[in-house]
């Protein structure tokens, strides 16, 4: 039996590629760690919590303003979730839902691209004008549009009731508003949601609301 031949394909030793690859890997690790720290520490505007737009959006409802004893929720019989948003007009002054406590509030979510919203807006304006002295506020919430688009719409329809901008959609999401606009919430002076109206408000809806003001 012939002698065993030596292995013609011996295991090759890994070649050292020099310090460059080791340092490169270390640099990548350092960058990844630094990026993670930046993301968690500064994405919300610094260590204090809250984003750079923390002045706007959903806000906690104080217990003293919640007569239900349950958490705020966007449905009938629960306290309406509180929020603070910038006004659509040039002032941009923020308005909070709790600013209107003590009055009936017809909270109306809309967008300029929504045909039923266009049909509904003249009726909302007329309803507001006729009932402003009866302790009613119509509060429009524009859903995720730029101020320019919202104001063009408001000028077109001569809207004078307050309108705020839900730029990032946080408030709309909290109220369960999708793209099926418009949606309106009738909020009692106590801050509790009396009724939710899906779609364009009808004459019967307006009459129903007006009866509650008497």
N, C-alpha and C. Protein backbone atom coordinates (compact mmCIF):
# COMPACT_ATOMS: atom_id res chain seq x y z
N UNK A 1 0.86 -1.20 0.00
CA UNK A 1 0.00 0.00 0.00
C UNK A 1 0.88 1.23 0.00
N UNK A 2 0.63 2.08 -0.96
CA UNK A 2 1.52 3.25 -1.07
C UNK A 2 1.38 4.15 0.12
N UNK A 3 2.50 4.84 0.41
CA UNK A 3 2.46 5.79 1.52
C UNK A 3 1.42 6.86 1.25
N UNK A 4 0.76 7.32 2.35
CA UNK A 4 -0.25 8.39 2.22
C UNK A 4 0.40 9.66 1.72
N UNK A 5 -0.25 10.23 0.79
CA UNK A 5 0.28 11.48 0.24
C UNK A 5 -0.05 12.64 1.18
N UNK A 6 0.79 13.57 1.25
CA UNK A 6 0.50 14.75 2.09
C UNK A 6 -0.70 15.51 1.55
N UNK A 7 -1.41 16.12 2.46
CA UNK A 7 -2.59 16.90 2.04
C UNK A 7 -2.14 18.03 1.12
N UNK A 8 -2.73 18.02 -0.08
CA UNK A 8 -2.32 19.05 -1.03
C UNK A 8 -3.04 20.38 -0.78
N UNK A 9 -4.06 20.30 0.10
CA UNK A 9 -4.79 21.55 0.38
C UNK A 9 -4.79 21.81 1.88
N UNK A 10 -3.65 22.04 2.44
CA UNK A 10 -3.59 22.28 3.89
C UNK A 10 -4.42 23.50 4.25
N UNK A 11 -4.92 23.47 5.51
CA UNK A 11 -5.71 24.61 5.96
C UNK A 11 -4.86 25.87 5.96
N UNK A 12 -5.40 26.88 5.30
CA UNK A 12 -4.62 28.11 5.17
C UNK A 12 -4.82 28.98 6.40
N UNK A 13 -3.75 29.53 6.88
CA UNK A 13 -3.82 30.43 8.02
C UNK A 13 -4.45 31.75 7.59
N UNK A 14 -5.29 32.32 8.47
CA UNK A 14 -5.89 33.62 8.17
C UNK A 14 -4.80 34.67 8.18
N UNK A 15 -4.86 35.47 7.16
CA UNK A 15 -3.83 36.50 7.04
C UNK A 15 -4.22 37.73 7.86
N UNK A 16 -3.26 38.28 8.53
CA UNK A 16 -3.50 39.49 9.31
C UNK A 16 -3.61 40.68 8.36
N UNK A 17 -4.72 41.39 8.45
CA UNK A 17 -4.94 42.47 7.49
C UNK A 17 -4.46 43.81 8.01
N UNK A 18 -3.80 43.79 9.13
CA UNK A 18 -3.23 45.04 9.63
C UNK A 18 -4.15 45.76 10.57
N UNK A 19 -3.70 46.85 11.17
CA UNK A 19 -4.48 47.57 12.17
C UNK A 19 -5.68 48.32 11.61
N UNK A 20 -5.71 48.54 10.30
CA UNK A 20 -6.79 49.35 9.73
C UNK A 20 -8.17 48.77 9.95
N UNK A 21 -8.31 47.44 9.72
CA UNK A 21 -9.62 46.82 9.86
C UNK A 21 -10.08 46.82 11.31
N UNK A 22 -9.16 46.60 12.25
CA UNK A 22 -9.51 46.59 13.66
C UNK A 22 -9.98 47.96 14.12
N UNK A 23 -9.22 48.97 13.71
CA UNK A 23 -9.61 50.33 14.09
C UNK A 23 -10.92 50.72 13.43
N UNK A 24 -11.14 50.27 12.19
CA UNK A 24 -12.39 50.59 11.49
C UNK A 24 -13.59 50.01 12.22
N UNK A 25 -13.47 48.76 12.66
CA UNK A 25 -14.54 48.13 13.39
C UNK A 25 -14.82 48.86 14.70
N UNK A 26 -13.75 49.25 15.39
CA UNK A 26 -13.92 49.98 16.65
C UNK A 26 -14.62 51.31 16.43
N UNK A 27 -14.25 51.98 15.34
CA UNK A 27 -14.87 53.27 15.03
C UNK A 27 -16.36 53.11 14.76
N UNK A 28 -16.72 52.03 14.06
CA UNK A 28 -18.13 51.79 13.77
C UNK A 28 -18.91 51.54 15.05
N UNK A 29 -18.31 50.80 15.99
CA UNK A 29 -18.97 50.53 17.25
C UNK A 29 -19.19 51.82 18.04
N UNK A 30 -18.15 52.66 18.08
CA UNK A 30 -18.25 53.94 18.78
C UNK A 30 -19.35 54.81 18.18
N UNK A 31 -19.40 54.86 16.85
CA UNK A 31 -20.43 55.66 16.18
C UNK A 31 -21.82 55.13 16.48
N UNK A 32 -21.97 53.81 16.48
CA UNK A 32 -23.27 53.22 16.76
C UNK A 32 -23.74 53.55 18.17
N UNK A 33 -22.81 53.44 19.14
CA UNK A 33 -23.16 53.75 20.53
C UNK A 33 -23.53 55.23 20.67
N UNK A 34 -22.72 56.10 20.05
CA UNK A 34 -22.98 57.53 20.14
C UNK A 34 -24.33 57.88 19.50
N UNK A 35 -24.62 57.22 18.36
CA UNK A 35 -25.90 57.47 17.70
C UNK A 35 -27.07 57.04 18.56
N UNK A 36 -26.91 55.91 19.25
CA UNK A 36 -27.98 55.45 20.13
C UNK A 36 -28.23 56.41 21.27
N UNK A 37 -27.13 56.92 21.86
CA UNK A 37 -27.27 57.88 22.96
C UNK A 37 -27.95 59.14 22.48
N UNK A 38 -27.54 59.63 21.32
CA UNK A 38 -28.17 60.84 20.77
C UNK A 38 -29.65 60.62 20.54
N UNK A 39 -30.00 59.47 19.98
CA UNK A 39 -31.39 59.20 19.65
C UNK A 39 -32.28 59.21 20.88
N UNK A 40 -31.84 58.53 21.93
CA UNK A 40 -32.68 58.42 23.12
C UNK A 40 -32.63 59.65 23.99
N UNK A 41 -31.52 60.37 23.97
CA UNK A 41 -31.42 61.54 24.84
C UNK A 41 -31.98 62.80 24.23
N UNK A 42 -31.83 62.92 22.90
CA UNK A 42 -32.14 64.20 22.28
C UNK A 42 -33.28 64.17 21.29
N UNK A 43 -33.86 63.04 20.97
CA UNK A 43 -34.96 63.01 20.01
C UNK A 43 -36.17 63.75 20.54
N UNK A 44 -36.32 63.82 21.87
CA UNK A 44 -37.46 64.51 22.46
C UNK A 44 -37.08 65.91 22.95
N UNK A 45 -35.99 66.43 22.41
CA UNK A 45 -35.65 67.82 22.71
C UNK A 45 -34.83 67.97 23.96
N UNK A 46 -34.17 66.89 24.43
CA UNK A 46 -33.32 67.03 25.60
C UNK A 46 -33.82 66.17 26.73
N UNK A 47 -33.06 66.14 27.79
CA UNK A 47 -33.32 65.24 28.88
C UNK A 47 -34.60 65.52 29.63
N UNK A 48 -35.27 66.64 29.41
CA UNK A 48 -36.46 66.95 30.17
C UNK A 48 -37.70 66.24 29.69
N UNK A 49 -37.63 65.53 28.56
CA UNK A 49 -38.82 64.87 28.02
C UNK A 49 -39.65 65.88 27.26
N UNK A 50 -40.39 65.40 26.24
CA UNK A 50 -41.19 66.30 25.43
C UNK A 50 -40.42 66.73 24.22
N UNK A 51 -41.09 66.77 23.07
CA UNK A 51 -40.41 67.07 21.82
C UNK A 51 -40.31 68.57 21.62
N UNK A 52 -39.67 68.95 20.52
CA UNK A 52 -39.54 70.37 20.21
C UNK A 52 -40.90 70.99 19.98
N UNK A 53 -41.91 70.15 19.63
CA UNK A 53 -43.26 70.65 19.43
C UNK A 53 -44.14 70.30 20.62
N UNK A 54 -43.50 70.10 21.80
CA UNK A 54 -44.23 69.66 22.98
C UNK A 54 -45.24 70.70 23.44
N UNK A 55 -45.12 71.94 22.96
CA UNK A 55 -46.09 72.96 23.34
C UNK A 55 -47.45 72.66 22.73
N UNK A 56 -47.49 71.79 21.74
CA UNK A 56 -48.74 71.47 21.05
C UNK A 56 -49.00 69.97 21.10
N UNK A 57 -50.26 69.62 21.01
CA UNK A 57 -50.64 68.21 21.00
C UNK A 57 -51.56 67.87 22.16
N UNK A 58 -51.64 66.59 22.46
CA UNK A 58 -52.51 66.11 23.53
C UNK A 58 -51.90 66.46 24.88
N UNK A 59 -52.73 66.92 25.80
CA UNK A 59 -52.29 67.26 27.15
C UNK A 59 -53.11 66.49 28.18
N UNK A 60 -52.52 66.24 29.31
CA UNK A 60 -53.25 65.56 30.38
C UNK A 60 -54.40 66.44 30.86
N UNK A 61 -55.51 65.80 31.17
CA UNK A 61 -56.66 66.52 31.70
C UNK A 61 -56.61 66.46 33.23
N UNK A 62 -56.53 67.61 33.89
CA UNK A 62 -56.48 67.61 35.36
C UNK A 62 -57.70 66.91 35.95
N UNK A 63 -57.51 66.23 37.05
CA UNK A 63 -58.61 65.52 37.71
C UNK A 63 -59.74 66.47 38.09
N UNK A 64 -59.37 67.70 38.41
CA UNK A 64 -60.39 68.68 38.81
C UNK A 64 -61.31 69.07 37.66
N UNK A 65 -60.89 68.77 36.44
CA UNK A 65 -61.70 69.09 35.26
C UNK A 65 -62.32 67.84 34.63
N UNK A 66 -62.25 66.74 35.35
CA UNK A 66 -62.80 65.48 34.85
C UNK A 66 -63.87 64.98 35.81
N UNK A 67 -65.14 65.24 35.51
CA UNK A 67 -66.22 64.85 36.44
C UNK A 67 -66.62 63.38 36.35
N UNK A 68 -66.03 62.63 35.44
CA UNK A 68 -66.47 61.25 35.22
C UNK A 68 -65.80 60.24 36.15
N UNK A 69 -64.63 60.58 36.66
CA UNK A 69 -63.89 59.62 37.47
C UNK A 69 -63.22 58.54 36.64
N UNK A 70 -63.30 58.66 35.32
CA UNK A 70 -62.65 57.73 34.40
C UNK A 70 -61.67 58.51 33.53
N UNK A 71 -60.76 57.77 32.91
CA UNK A 71 -59.79 58.44 32.04
C UNK A 71 -60.50 59.08 30.86
N UNK A 72 -59.93 60.19 30.38
CA UNK A 72 -60.50 60.88 29.22
C UNK A 72 -60.45 59.96 28.00
N UNK A 73 -61.50 60.00 27.20
CA UNK A 73 -61.56 59.17 26.00
C UNK A 73 -62.52 59.80 25.01
N UNK A 74 -62.29 59.58 23.73
CA UNK A 74 -63.08 60.21 22.69
C UNK A 74 -64.34 59.41 22.39
N UNK A 75 -65.18 59.27 23.39
CA UNK A 75 -66.46 58.60 23.17
C UNK A 75 -67.51 59.15 24.13
N UNK A 76 -68.75 58.90 23.79
CA UNK A 76 -69.87 59.44 24.55
C UNK A 76 -69.80 59.02 26.01
N UNK A 77 -70.04 60.00 26.88
CA UNK A 77 -70.06 59.74 28.31
C UNK A 77 -68.71 59.86 29.00
N UNK A 78 -67.65 60.12 28.25
CA UNK A 78 -66.32 60.27 28.84
C UNK A 78 -65.84 61.70 28.65
N UNK A 79 -64.95 62.11 29.52
CA UNK A 79 -64.37 63.45 29.39
C UNK A 79 -63.56 63.53 28.10
N UNK A 80 -63.73 64.62 27.37
CA UNK A 80 -63.01 64.78 26.11
C UNK A 80 -61.51 64.94 26.36
N UNK A 81 -60.67 64.21 25.64
CA UNK A 81 -59.22 64.37 25.80
C UNK A 81 -58.81 65.83 25.56
N UNK A 82 -57.98 66.33 26.43
CA UNK A 82 -57.54 67.73 26.31
C UNK A 82 -56.40 67.83 25.31
N UNK A 83 -56.28 68.99 24.69
CA UNK A 83 -55.19 69.24 23.75
C UNK A 83 -54.92 70.73 23.65
N UNK A 84 -53.76 71.05 23.13
CA UNK A 84 -53.38 72.43 22.86
C UNK A 84 -52.76 72.47 21.47
N UNK A 85 -53.31 73.33 20.60
CA UNK A 85 -52.83 73.43 19.22
C UNK A 85 -52.72 74.89 18.82
N UNK A 86 -51.89 75.15 17.81
CA UNK A 86 -51.72 76.51 17.30
C UNK A 86 -52.93 76.91 16.47
N UNK A 87 -53.31 78.18 16.60
CA UNK A 87 -54.41 78.70 15.80
C UNK A 87 -54.02 78.76 14.33
N UNK A 88 -55.01 78.57 13.47
CA UNK A 88 -54.73 78.61 12.04
C UNK A 88 -54.47 80.03 11.54
N UNK A 89 -54.98 81.03 12.25
CA UNK A 89 -54.80 82.40 11.78
C UNK A 89 -53.35 82.85 11.96
N UNK A 90 -53.06 84.04 11.50
CA UNK A 90 -51.68 84.53 11.48
C UNK A 90 -51.08 84.66 12.87
N UNK A 91 -51.92 84.81 13.88
CA UNK A 91 -51.40 84.96 15.24
C UNK A 91 -50.73 83.67 15.70
N UNK A 92 -51.29 82.53 15.29
CA UNK A 92 -50.74 81.26 15.71
C UNK A 92 -50.86 81.01 17.20
N UNK A 93 -51.63 81.86 17.90
CA UNK A 93 -51.76 81.71 19.35
C UNK A 93 -52.35 80.34 19.68
N UNK A 94 -51.75 79.64 20.62
CA UNK A 94 -52.26 78.31 20.96
C UNK A 94 -53.60 78.38 21.67
N UNK A 95 -54.42 77.38 21.43
CA UNK A 95 -55.71 77.27 22.10
C UNK A 95 -55.83 75.87 22.68
N UNK A 96 -56.26 75.79 23.92
CA UNK A 96 -56.48 74.50 24.57
C UNK A 96 -57.98 74.25 24.66
N UNK A 97 -58.36 72.98 24.60
CA UNK A 97 -59.78 72.65 24.70
C UNK A 97 -60.35 73.12 26.03
N UNK A 98 -59.57 73.04 27.08
CA UNK A 98 -60.05 73.46 28.40
C UNK A 98 -60.30 74.96 28.49
N UNK A 99 -59.80 75.72 27.52
CA UNK A 99 -60.08 77.16 27.50
C UNK A 99 -61.57 77.44 27.35
N UNK A 100 -62.29 76.47 26.80
CA UNK A 100 -63.71 76.66 26.52
C UNK A 100 -64.61 75.97 27.54
N UNK A 101 -64.02 75.54 28.66
CA UNK A 101 -64.82 74.88 29.70
C UNK A 101 -65.90 75.84 30.19
N UNK A 102 -67.09 75.30 30.39
CA UNK A 102 -68.23 76.13 30.79
C UNK A 102 -69.13 76.47 29.61
N UNK A 103 -68.69 76.13 28.39
CA UNK A 103 -69.50 76.35 27.19
C UNK A 103 -69.71 75.02 26.47
N UNK A 104 -70.78 74.97 25.68
CA UNK A 104 -70.94 73.85 24.78
C UNK A 104 -69.92 74.00 23.66
N UNK A 105 -69.25 72.91 23.30
CA UNK A 105 -68.25 72.94 22.24
C UNK A 105 -68.62 71.93 21.17
N UNK A 106 -68.71 72.40 19.94
CA UNK A 106 -68.90 71.50 18.81
C UNK A 106 -67.53 71.38 18.14
N UNK A 107 -66.85 70.28 18.45
CA UNK A 107 -65.48 70.05 17.97
C UNK A 107 -65.55 69.36 16.62
N UNK A 108 -65.07 70.03 15.60
CA UNK A 108 -65.24 69.56 14.22
C UNK A 108 -63.90 69.31 13.55
N UNK A 109 -63.63 68.05 13.18
CA UNK A 109 -62.40 67.70 12.47
C UNK A 109 -62.65 67.75 10.97
N UNK A 110 -61.75 68.43 10.24
CA UNK A 110 -61.98 68.63 8.81
C UNK A 110 -60.66 68.77 8.06
N UNK A 111 -60.75 68.78 6.73
CA UNK A 111 -59.59 69.05 5.86
C UNK A 111 -60.11 69.68 4.57
N UNK A 112 -59.27 70.47 3.93
CA UNK A 112 -59.71 71.20 2.74
C UNK A 112 -59.96 70.30 1.55
N UNK A 113 -59.35 69.09 1.54
CA UNK A 113 -59.53 68.17 0.42
C UNK A 113 -60.81 67.35 0.53
N UNK A 114 -61.53 67.52 1.62
CA UNK A 114 -62.71 66.69 1.94
C UNK A 114 -63.99 67.35 1.41
N UNK A 115 -64.64 66.78 0.36
CA UNK A 115 -65.86 67.38 -0.19
C UNK A 115 -66.98 67.57 0.83
N UNK A 116 -67.28 66.57 1.70
CA UNK A 116 -68.34 66.80 2.68
C UNK A 116 -68.01 67.94 3.65
N UNK A 117 -66.71 68.15 3.90
CA UNK A 117 -66.31 69.27 4.76
C UNK A 117 -66.65 70.59 4.10
N UNK A 118 -66.44 70.67 2.81
CA UNK A 118 -66.76 71.89 2.08
C UNK A 118 -68.27 72.15 2.12
N UNK A 119 -69.06 71.09 2.00
CA UNK A 119 -70.52 71.26 2.06
C UNK A 119 -70.98 71.67 3.45
N UNK A 120 -70.31 71.17 4.46
CA UNK A 120 -70.72 71.38 5.84
C UNK A 120 -70.32 72.75 6.40
N UNK A 121 -69.18 73.27 5.95
CA UNK A 121 -68.62 74.48 6.55
C UNK A 121 -69.55 75.69 6.55
N UNK A 122 -70.25 76.00 5.45
CA UNK A 122 -71.19 77.14 5.52
C UNK A 122 -72.26 76.96 6.59
N UNK A 123 -72.73 75.72 6.78
CA UNK A 123 -73.73 75.47 7.82
C UNK A 123 -73.13 75.64 9.21
N UNK A 124 -71.90 75.20 9.38
CA UNK A 124 -71.23 75.38 10.67
C UNK A 124 -71.06 76.86 10.99
N UNK A 125 -70.67 77.64 9.98
CA UNK A 125 -70.48 79.08 10.19
C UNK A 125 -71.80 79.74 10.57
N UNK A 126 -72.87 79.39 9.86
CA UNK A 126 -74.18 79.96 10.16
C UNK A 126 -74.65 79.55 11.56
N UNK A 127 -74.43 78.28 11.90
CA UNK A 127 -74.83 77.77 13.21
C UNK A 127 -74.07 78.49 14.32
N UNK A 128 -72.80 78.73 14.09
CA UNK A 128 -71.98 79.45 15.06
C UNK A 128 -72.48 80.87 15.25
N UNK A 129 -72.78 81.55 14.16
CA UNK A 129 -73.24 82.94 14.23
C UNK A 129 -74.55 83.05 15.00
N UNK A 130 -75.44 82.08 14.82
CA UNK A 130 -76.75 82.14 15.44
C UNK A 130 -76.73 81.72 16.92
N UNK A 131 -75.70 81.02 17.33
CA UNK A 131 -75.69 80.48 18.68
C UNK A 131 -74.51 80.89 19.54
N UNK A 132 -73.69 81.79 19.03
CA UNK A 132 -72.51 82.22 19.78
C UNK A 132 -72.89 82.85 21.11
N UNK A 133 -74.05 83.51 21.16
CA UNK A 133 -74.50 84.15 22.39
C UNK A 133 -75.24 83.18 23.31
N UNK A 134 -75.37 81.95 22.88
CA UNK A 134 -76.06 80.94 23.67
C UNK A 134 -75.07 80.01 24.39
N UNK A 135 -73.84 80.43 24.46
CA UNK A 135 -72.85 79.61 25.16
C UNK A 135 -72.30 78.47 24.32
N UNK A 136 -72.29 78.65 22.98
CA UNK A 136 -71.78 77.62 22.09
C UNK A 136 -70.51 78.09 21.39
N UNK A 137 -69.53 77.19 21.27
CA UNK A 137 -68.32 77.46 20.50
C UNK A 137 -68.17 76.34 19.47
N UNK A 138 -67.98 76.72 18.24
CA UNK A 138 -67.58 75.76 17.22
C UNK A 138 -66.06 75.84 17.14
N UNK A 139 -65.40 74.71 17.34
CA UNK A 139 -63.94 74.67 17.30
C UNK A 139 -63.51 73.72 16.19
N UNK A 140 -62.94 74.27 15.14
CA UNK A 140 -62.49 73.45 14.02
C UNK A 140 -61.07 72.95 14.23
N UNK A 141 -60.83 71.71 13.88
CA UNK A 141 -59.48 71.13 13.94
C UNK A 141 -59.10 70.66 12.54
N UNK A 142 -58.17 71.38 11.93
CA UNK A 142 -57.70 70.99 10.61
C UNK A 142 -56.74 69.82 10.72
N UNK A 143 -56.99 68.80 9.92
CA UNK A 143 -56.21 67.58 10.04
C UNK A 143 -55.03 67.56 9.08
N UNK A 144 -53.85 67.77 9.64
CA UNK A 144 -52.57 67.54 8.98
C UNK A 144 -52.40 68.25 7.64
N UNK A 145 -52.74 69.54 7.63
CA UNK A 145 -52.47 70.36 6.44
C UNK A 145 -51.62 71.56 6.84
N UNK A 146 -50.98 72.15 5.86
CA UNK A 146 -50.20 73.34 6.13
C UNK A 146 -51.14 74.51 6.39
N UNK A 147 -50.65 75.48 7.14
CA UNK A 147 -51.46 76.64 7.50
C UNK A 147 -51.98 77.36 6.26
N UNK A 148 -51.18 77.41 5.21
CA UNK A 148 -51.59 78.11 3.99
C UNK A 148 -52.83 77.48 3.38
N UNK A 149 -52.85 76.14 3.29
CA UNK A 149 -54.00 75.44 2.73
C UNK A 149 -55.24 75.63 3.60
N UNK A 150 -55.04 75.55 4.91
CA UNK A 150 -56.17 75.73 5.82
C UNK A 150 -56.74 77.13 5.73
N UNK A 151 -55.88 78.14 5.69
CA UNK A 151 -56.36 79.52 5.67
C UNK A 151 -57.00 79.89 4.34
N UNK A 152 -56.54 79.32 3.25
CA UNK A 152 -57.20 79.54 1.96
C UNK A 152 -58.64 79.05 2.03
N UNK A 153 -58.83 77.89 2.62
CA UNK A 153 -60.17 77.32 2.80
C UNK A 153 -61.02 78.22 3.70
N UNK A 154 -60.47 78.65 4.81
CA UNK A 154 -61.23 79.46 5.76
C UNK A 154 -61.64 80.81 5.16
N UNK A 155 -60.75 81.40 4.37
CA UNK A 155 -61.10 82.67 3.71
C UNK A 155 -62.20 82.45 2.67
N UNK A 156 -62.11 81.33 1.97
CA UNK A 156 -63.11 81.03 0.93
C UNK A 156 -64.51 80.97 1.52
N UNK A 157 -64.62 80.40 2.72
CA UNK A 157 -65.94 80.21 3.32
C UNK A 157 -66.26 81.23 4.42
N UNK A 158 -65.40 82.22 4.59
CA UNK A 158 -65.66 83.28 5.56
C UNK A 158 -65.81 82.76 6.98
N UNK A 159 -64.97 81.80 7.36
CA UNK A 159 -65.06 81.19 8.69
C UNK A 159 -64.54 82.16 9.76
N UNK A 160 -65.34 82.34 10.80
CA UNK A 160 -64.93 83.23 11.90
C UNK A 160 -64.82 82.48 13.23
N UNK A 161 -65.27 81.24 13.30
CA UNK A 161 -65.10 80.48 14.54
C UNK A 161 -63.65 80.02 14.64
N UNK A 162 -63.18 79.74 15.85
CA UNK A 162 -61.76 79.37 16.02
C UNK A 162 -61.41 78.06 15.34
N UNK A 163 -60.24 78.04 14.73
CA UNK A 163 -59.73 76.84 14.05
C UNK A 163 -58.28 76.65 14.45
N UNK A 164 -57.92 75.42 14.76
CA UNK A 164 -56.55 75.10 15.14
C UNK A 164 -55.99 74.05 14.19
N UNK A 165 -54.65 73.93 14.20
CA UNK A 165 -53.96 73.06 13.26
C UNK A 165 -53.38 71.82 13.96
N UNK A 166 -53.88 70.66 13.57
CA UNK A 166 -53.33 69.40 14.08
C UNK A 166 -52.28 68.91 13.07
N UNK A 167 -51.15 69.57 13.08
CA UNK A 167 -50.14 69.37 12.04
C UNK A 167 -49.62 67.94 11.96
N UNK A 168 -49.33 67.35 13.10
CA UNK A 168 -48.77 66.00 13.08
C UNK A 168 -49.80 64.89 13.27
N UNK A 169 -51.07 65.28 13.44
CA UNK A 169 -52.14 64.29 13.52
C UNK A 169 -52.31 63.63 14.87
N UNK A 170 -51.58 64.08 15.89
CA UNK A 170 -51.64 63.42 17.19
C UNK A 170 -53.04 63.53 17.81
N UNK A 171 -53.64 64.72 17.72
CA UNK A 171 -54.96 64.92 18.30
C UNK A 171 -56.01 64.11 17.53
N UNK A 172 -55.91 64.13 16.21
CA UNK A 172 -56.84 63.36 15.39
C UNK A 172 -56.76 61.87 15.73
N UNK A 173 -55.55 61.39 15.94
CA UNK A 173 -55.38 59.98 16.29
C UNK A 173 -56.01 59.68 17.65
N UNK A 174 -55.82 60.59 18.60
CA UNK A 174 -56.40 60.40 19.93
C UNK A 174 -57.91 60.36 19.87
N UNK A 175 -58.49 61.13 18.96
CA UNK A 175 -59.95 61.15 18.81
C UNK A 175 -60.45 60.09 17.82
N UNK A 176 -59.56 59.22 17.36
CA UNK A 176 -59.96 58.14 16.47
C UNK A 176 -60.41 58.60 15.11
N UNK A 177 -59.84 59.72 14.66
CA UNK A 177 -60.22 60.29 13.37
C UNK A 177 -59.32 59.74 12.28
N UNK A 178 -59.89 59.06 11.31
CA UNK A 178 -59.13 58.60 10.15
C UNK A 178 -59.30 59.59 9.02
N UNK A 179 -59.45 59.07 7.80
CA UNK A 179 -59.69 59.95 6.65
C UNK A 179 -61.17 60.06 6.32
N UNK A 180 -62.01 59.46 7.18
CA UNK A 180 -63.45 59.56 6.97
C UNK A 180 -64.00 60.85 7.56
N UNK A 181 -63.56 61.96 7.06
CA UNK A 181 -63.97 63.27 7.55
C UNK A 181 -65.26 63.72 6.86
N UNK A 182 -66.00 64.64 7.49
CA UNK A 182 -65.77 65.25 8.80
C UNK A 182 -66.30 64.37 9.94
N UNK A 183 -65.83 64.63 11.13
CA UNK A 183 -66.33 64.02 12.37
C UNK A 183 -66.45 65.13 13.40
N UNK A 184 -67.56 65.12 14.13
CA UNK A 184 -67.79 66.17 15.12
C UNK A 184 -68.13 65.56 16.47
N UNK A 185 -67.68 66.23 17.53
CA UNK A 185 -67.94 65.81 18.89
C UNK A 185 -68.65 66.95 19.61
N UNK A 186 -69.83 66.66 20.16
CA UNK A 186 -70.53 67.66 20.96
C UNK A 186 -70.11 67.47 22.41
N UNK A 187 -69.48 68.50 22.97
CA UNK A 187 -68.93 68.44 24.32
C UNK A 187 -69.72 69.38 25.22
N UNK A 188 -70.23 68.84 26.32
CA UNK A 188 -71.02 69.63 27.27
C UNK A 188 -70.13 70.61 28.03
N UNK A 189 -70.74 71.61 28.68
CA UNK A 189 -69.95 72.57 29.47
C UNK A 189 -69.09 71.91 30.54
N UNK A 190 -69.48 70.72 30.97
CA UNK A 190 -68.70 69.99 31.97
C UNK A 190 -67.45 69.34 31.38
N UNK A 191 -67.35 69.33 30.04
CA UNK A 191 -66.21 68.71 29.38
C UNK A 191 -66.46 67.26 28.98
N UNK A 192 -67.68 66.77 29.20
CA UNK A 192 -68.03 65.40 28.86
C UNK A 192 -68.64 65.35 27.46
N UNK A 193 -68.25 64.35 26.69
CA UNK A 193 -68.76 64.21 25.32
C UNK A 193 -70.21 63.73 25.36
N UNK A 194 -71.09 64.53 24.78
CA UNK A 194 -72.51 64.20 24.73
C UNK A 194 -72.85 63.28 23.57
N UNK A 195 -72.22 63.55 22.42
CA UNK A 195 -72.54 62.75 21.24
C UNK A 195 -71.44 62.90 20.20
N UNK A 196 -71.28 61.85 19.39
CA UNK A 196 -70.32 61.86 18.28
C UNK A 196 -71.11 61.79 16.98
N UNK A 197 -70.79 62.68 16.07
CA UNK A 197 -71.47 62.73 14.78
C UNK A 197 -70.48 62.36 13.67
N UNK A 198 -70.76 61.29 12.97
CA UNK A 198 -69.89 60.84 11.89
C UNK A 198 -70.43 61.36 10.56
N UNK A 199 -69.56 61.99 9.80
CA UNK A 199 -69.98 62.53 8.50
C UNK A 199 -70.54 63.93 8.62
N UNK A 200 -71.07 64.41 7.52
CA UNK A 200 -71.59 65.77 7.46
C UNK A 200 -72.77 65.94 8.40
N UNK A 201 -72.77 67.04 9.16
CA UNK A 201 -73.88 67.33 10.06
C UNK A 201 -75.12 67.70 9.26
N UNK A 202 -76.24 67.09 9.62
CA UNK A 202 -77.50 67.35 8.93
C UNK A 202 -78.30 68.42 9.66
N UNK A 203 -79.41 68.86 9.05
CA UNK A 203 -80.28 69.83 9.71
C UNK A 203 -80.82 69.26 11.02
N UNK A 204 -81.14 67.96 11.01
CA UNK A 204 -81.64 67.33 12.24
C UNK A 204 -80.57 67.36 13.34
N UNK A 205 -79.33 67.15 12.94
CA UNK A 205 -78.24 67.20 13.92
C UNK A 205 -78.13 68.59 14.53
N UNK A 206 -78.17 69.60 13.68
CA UNK A 206 -78.07 70.97 14.18
C UNK A 206 -79.25 71.31 15.11
N UNK A 207 -80.45 70.86 14.73
CA UNK A 207 -81.62 71.11 15.57
C UNK A 207 -81.48 70.41 16.92
N UNK A 208 -80.92 69.20 16.90
CA UNK A 208 -80.71 68.45 18.13
C UNK A 208 -79.73 69.18 19.05
N UNK A 209 -78.67 69.67 18.47
CA UNK A 209 -77.68 70.40 19.25
C UNK A 209 -78.26 71.69 19.81
N UNK A 210 -79.00 72.39 18.96
CA UNK A 210 -79.58 73.67 19.38
C UNK A 210 -80.56 73.48 20.54
N UNK A 211 -81.24 72.34 20.54
CA UNK A 211 -82.20 72.08 21.63
C UNK A 211 -81.49 71.93 22.97
N UNK A 212 -80.26 71.46 22.96
CA UNK A 212 -79.51 71.28 24.19
C UNK A 212 -79.05 72.62 24.77
N UNK A 213 -79.03 73.63 23.94
CA UNK A 213 -78.59 74.94 24.41
C UNK A 213 -79.67 75.69 25.16
N UNK A 214 -80.89 75.27 24.98
CA UNK A 214 -82.04 75.98 25.58
C UNK A 214 -82.18 75.67 27.06
